[in-house]
Amino acid sequence: GRRPQRRRRHLPHMATALGRVAEKARGKVALEPGFSLASWMRLSASGTDLTGGVGAVQEKEWTRAEVRQHSSPDDAWMVIRGRVYNVTPYLRYHPGGVDTLLESAGKDGTALFDKYHSWVNIHGIMKACCV
């Protein structure tokens, strides 16, 4: 005769939860839909002003005091490898989460950036945010 089939239980919530635990262990967070790296690259290539109204300033020397004024989730600048970026529009796209970026908001984040992303061409990703 025919053996009764065992029902397999599909537990998508378990897989999602386990995925989140693995992401946390790697220092990543679950991004909202529409906030992937590909979405960021499309936005940054779209011509949208991502400088916070400052515009692309060529060869501007920002002082530490000027950069320090931009240290909140609504207005976050960061120095990376000698360039100043308005990271505010990028916060929700960052795989490590908003809080990680805000650790260096208003200051030089090169050491923290290089700790996790030393191989990354930051200017290639953040060029549209360079002030």
C-alpha atoms as a PDB file:
ATOM      1  CA  GLY A   1       0.000   0.000   0.000  1.00  0.00           C
ATOM      2  CA  ARG A   2       0.645   3.578  -0.016  1.00  0.00           C
ATOM      3  CA  ARG A   3       2.459   5.234   2.878  1.00  0.00           C
ATOM      4  CA  PRO A   4       0.844   8.333   4.281  1.00  0.00           C
ATOM      5  CA  GLN A   5       2.843  11.423   3.381  1.00  0.00           C
ATOM      6  CA  ARG A   6       4.319  13.400   6.193  1.00  0.00           C
ATOM      7  CA  ARG A   7       3.332  16.998   6.039  1.00  0.00           C
ATOM      8  CA  ARG A   8       6.249  19.355   5.930  1.00  0.00           C
ATOM      9  CA  ARG A   9       5.677  22.497   7.812  1.00  0.00           C
ATOM     10  CA  HIS A  10       6.899  25.602   6.107  1.00  0.00           C
ATOM     11  CA  LEU A  11       8.073  28.078   8.681  1.00  0.00           C
ATOM     12  CA  PRO A  12       9.106  31.229   6.825  1.00  0.00           C
ATOM     13  CA  HIS A  13       9.116  33.227  10.039  1.00  0.00           C
ATOM     14  CA  MET A  14      11.762  30.862  11.444  1.00  0.00           C
ATOM     15  CA  ALA A  15      13.958  31.257   8.361  1.00  0.00           C
ATOM     16  CA  THR A  16      13.571  35.011   8.526  1.00  0.00           C
ATOM     17  CA  ALA A  17      14.442  35.058  12.205  1.00  0.00           C
ATOM     18  CA  LEU A  18      17.483  32.837  11.656  1.00  0.00           C
ATOM     19  CA  GLY A  19      18.573  35.036   8.763  1.00  0.00           C
ATOM     20  CA  ARG A  20      18.364  38.111  10.979  1.00  0.00           C
ATOM     21  CA  VAL A  21      20.458  36.405  13.653  1.00  0.00           C
ATOM     22  CA  ALA A  22      23.117  35.551  11.046  1.00  0.00           C
ATOM     23  CA  GLU A  23      23.068  39.113   9.704  1.00  0.00           C
ATOM     24  CA  LYS A  24      23.476  40.515  13.216  1.00  0.00           C
ATOM     25  CA  ALA A  25      26.423  38.182  13.823  1.00  0.00           C
ATOM     26  CA  ARG A  26      28.092  39.562  10.673  1.00  0.00           C
ATOM     27  CA  GLY A  27      27.311  43.110  11.781  1.00  0.00           C
ATOM     28  CA  LYS A  28      24.571  43.587   9.206  1.00  0.00           C
ATOM     29  CA  VAL A  29      20.969  44.601   9.579  1.00  0.00           C
ATOM     30  CA  ALA A  30      17.944  43.797   7.460  1.00  0.00           C
ATOM     31  CA  LEU A  31      17.401  46.675   5.050  1.00  0.00           C
ATOM     32  CA  GLU A  32      13.963  47.964   4.204  1.00  0.00           C
ATOM     33  CA  PRO A  33      12.645  47.046   0.749  1.00  0.00           C
ATOM     34  CA  GLY A  34      14.026  49.478  -1.831  1.00  0.00           C
ATOM     35  CA  PHE A  35      17.205  50.263   0.148  1.00  0.00           C
ATOM     36  CA  SER A  36      19.693  47.848  -1.420  1.00  0.00           C
ATOM     37  CA  LEU A  37      23.108  48.771  -2.804  1.00  0.00           C
ATOM     38  CA  ALA A  38      21.637  48.612  -6.322  1.00  0.00           C
ATOM     39  CA  SER A  39      18.888  51.056  -5.271  1.00  0.00           C
ATOM     40  CA  TRP A  40      21.516  53.382  -3.802  1.00  0.00           C
ATOM     41  CA  MET A  41      23.611  53.273  -6.970  1.00  0.00           C
ATOM     42  CA  ARG A  42      20.517  54.134  -9.059  1.00  0.00           C
ATOM     43  CA  LEU A  43      19.667  57.045  -6.760  1.00  0.00           C
ATOM     44  CA  SER A  44      23.212  58.384  -6.677  1.00  0.00           C
ATOM     45  CA  ALA A  45      23.396  58.279 -10.497  1.00  0.00           C
ATOM     46  CA  SER A  46      19.990  59.935 -10.936  1.00  0.00           C
ATOM     47  CA  GLY A  47      21.169  63.526 -10.621  1.00  0.00           C
ATOM     48  CA  THR A  48      19.247  64.022  -7.370  1.00  0.00           C
ATOM     49  CA  ASP A  49      21.044  66.442  -5.030  1.00  0.00           C
ATOM     50  CA  LEU A  50      22.376  64.220  -2.248  1.00  0.00           C
ATOM     51  CA  THR A  51      24.599  66.913  -0.750  1.00  0.00           C
ATOM     52  CA  GLY A  52      21.872  68.360   1.461  1.00  0.00           C
ATOM     53  CA  GLY A  53      21.680  71.526  -0.615  1.00  0.00           C
ATOM     54  CA  VAL A  54      25.391  72.285  -0.293  1.00  0.00           C
ATOM     55  CA  GLY A  55      26.168  71.163  -3.826  1.00  0.00           C
ATOM     56  CA  ALA A  56      29.377  69.578  -4.980  1.00  0.00           C
ATOM     57  CA  VAL A  57      32.079  71.850  -3.602  1.00  0.00           C
ATOM     58  CA  GLN A  58      35.402  71.426  -5.355  1.00  0.00           C
ATOM     59  CA  GLU A  59      38.536  71.706  -3.251  1.00  0.00           C
ATOM     60  CA  LYS A  60      36.714  73.115  -0.205  1.00  0.00           C
ATOM     61  CA  GLU A  61      38.616  72.699   3.041  1.00  0.00           C
ATOM     62  CA  TRP A  62      36.012  72.054   5.724  1.00  0.00           C
ATOM     63  CA  THR A  63      37.122  72.676   9.292  1.00  0.00           C
ATOM     64  CA  ARG A  64      36.559  70.097  12.024  1.00  0.00           C
ATOM     65  CA  ALA A  65      34.164  72.562  13.670  1.00  0.00           C
ATOM     66  CA  GLU A  66      32.111  72.813  10.458  1.00  0.00           C
ATOM     67  CA  VAL A  67      31.934  69.034  10.080  1.00  0.00           C
ATOM     68  CA  ARG A  68      31.099  68.601  13.785  1.00  0.00           C
ATOM     69  CA  GLN A  69      27.900  70.628  13.275  1.00  0.00           C
ATOM     70  CA  HIS A  70      26.514  67.775  11.149  1.00  0.00           C
ATOM     71  CA  SER A  71      26.231  64.886  13.601  1.00  0.00           C
ATOM     72  CA  SER A  72      22.532  63.999  13.792  1.00  0.00           C
ATOM     73  CA  PRO A  73      20.371  61.473  11.917  1.00  0.00           C
ATOM     74  CA  ASP A  74      18.734  64.389  10.085  1.00  0.00           C
ATOM     75  CA  ASP A  75      22.047  66.005   9.096  1.00  0.00           C
ATOM     76  CA  ALA A  76      25.080  63.711   9.119  1.00  0.00           C
ATOM     77  CA  TRP A  77      28.437  64.480   7.532  1.00  0.00           C
ATOM     78  CA  MET A  78      31.510  62.302   7.757  1.00  0.00           C
ATOM     79  CA  VAL A  79      35.123  62.623   6.703  1.00  0.00           C
ATOM     80  CA  ILE A  80      36.483  59.520   4.992  1.00  0.00           C
ATOM     81  CA  ARG A  81      39.963  59.469   3.489  1.00  0.00           C
ATOM     82  CA  GLY A  82      40.150  63.239   3.511  1.00  0.00           C
ATOM     83  CA  ARG A  83      36.838  63.905   1.762  1.00  0.00           C
ATOM     84  CA  VAL A  84      33.656  65.148   3.420  1.00  0.00           C
ATOM     85  CA  TYR A  85      30.426  63.318   2.630  1.00  0.00           C
ATOM     86  CA  ASN A  86      26.846  64.135   3.547  1.00  0.00           C
ATOM     87  CA  VAL A  87      25.877  60.600   4.598  1.00  0.00           C
ATOM     88  CA  THR A  88      22.330  61.574   5.597  1.00  0.00           C
ATOM     89  CA  PRO A  89      20.652  60.189   2.454  1.00  0.00           C
ATOM     90  CA  TYR A  90      22.730  56.991   2.691  1.00  0.00           C
ATOM     91  CA  LEU A  91      21.848  56.099   6.287  1.00  0.00           C
ATOM     92  CA  ARG A  92      18.945  53.762   5.429  1.00  0.00           C
ATOM     93  CA  TYR A  93      20.995  52.038   2.712  1.00  0.00           C
ATOM     94  CA  HIS A  94      23.937  51.117   4.957  1.00  0.00           C
ATOM     95  CA  PRO A  95      24.101  47.332   5.506  1.00  0.00           C
ATOM     96  CA  GLY A  96      25.596  47.842   8.968  1.00  0.00           C
ATOM     97  CA  GLY A  97      22.678  50.009  10.027  1.00  0.00           C
ATOM     98  CA  VAL A  98      22.089  53.650  10.807  1.00  0.00           C
ATOM     99  CA  ASP A  99      23.673  53.533  14.272  1.00  0.00           C
ATOM    100  CA  THR A 100      27.008  52.325  12.904  1.00  0.00           C
ATOM    101  CA  LEU A 101      27.236  55.280  10.532  1.00  0.00           C
ATOM    102  CA  LEU A 102      26.140  57.730  13.192  1.00  0.00           C
ATOM    103  CA  GLU A 103      29.107  56.667  15.358  1.00  0.00           C
ATOM    104  CA  SER A 104      31.282  58.732  13.006  1.00  0.00           C
ATOM    105  CA  ALA A 105      28.801  61.457  12.084  1.00  0.00           C
ATOM    106  CA  GLY A 106      30.370  64.870  12.518  1.00  0.00           C
ATOM    107  CA  LYS A 107      33.910  63.504  12.600  1.00  0.00           C
ATOM    108  CA  ASP A 108      36.559  61.580  10.698  1.00  0.00           C
ATOM    109  CA  GLY A 109      35.259  58.056  10.155  1.00  0.00           C
ATOM    110  CA  THR A 110      38.228  56.777   8.159  1.00  0.00           C
ATOM    111  CA  ALA A 111      39.507  54.390  10.851  1.00  0.00           C
ATOM    112  CA  LEU A 112      36.067  52.845  11.430  1.00  0.00           C
ATOM    113  CA  PHE A 113      35.392  52.663   7.681  1.00  0.00           C
ATOM    114  CA  ASP A 114      38.745  51.013   6.958  1.00  0.00           C
ATOM    115  CA  LYS A 115      38.234  48.537   9.812  1.00  0.00           C
ATOM    116  CA  TYR A 116      35.313  47.008   7.891  1.00  0.00           C
ATOM    117  CA  HIS A 117      35.664  48.247   4.306  1.00  0.00           C
ATOM    118  CA  SER A 118      39.337  48.931   3.548  1.00  0.00           C
ATOM    119  CA  TRP A 119      38.968  47.503   0.010  1.00  0.00           C
ATOM    120  CA  VAL A 120      35.914  49.618  -0.882  1.00  0.00           C
ATOM    121  CA  ASN A 121      36.159  52.597  -3.232  1.00  0.00           C
ATOM    122  CA  ILE A 122      34.147  54.928  -1.010  1.00  0.00           C
ATOM    123  CA  HIS A 123      34.219  57.788  -3.476  1.00  0.00           C
ATOM    124  CA  GLY A 124      32.774  55.529  -6.172  1.00  0.00           C
ATOM    125  CA  ILE A 125      29.790  54.781  -3.942  1.00  0.00           C
ATOM    126  CA  MET A 126      29.403  58.166  -2.250  1.00  0.00           C
ATOM    127  CA  LYS A 127      30.572  60.598  -4.941  1.00  0.00           C
ATOM    128  CA  ALA A 128      27.102  62.170  -5.231  1.00  0.00           C
ATOM    129  CA  CYS A 129      27.247  62.999  -1.485  1.00  0.00           C
ATOM    130  CA  CYS A 130      30.673  64.612  -1.507  1.00  0.00           C
ATOM    131  CA  VAL A 131      30.519  68.226  -0.309  1.00  0.00           C
END
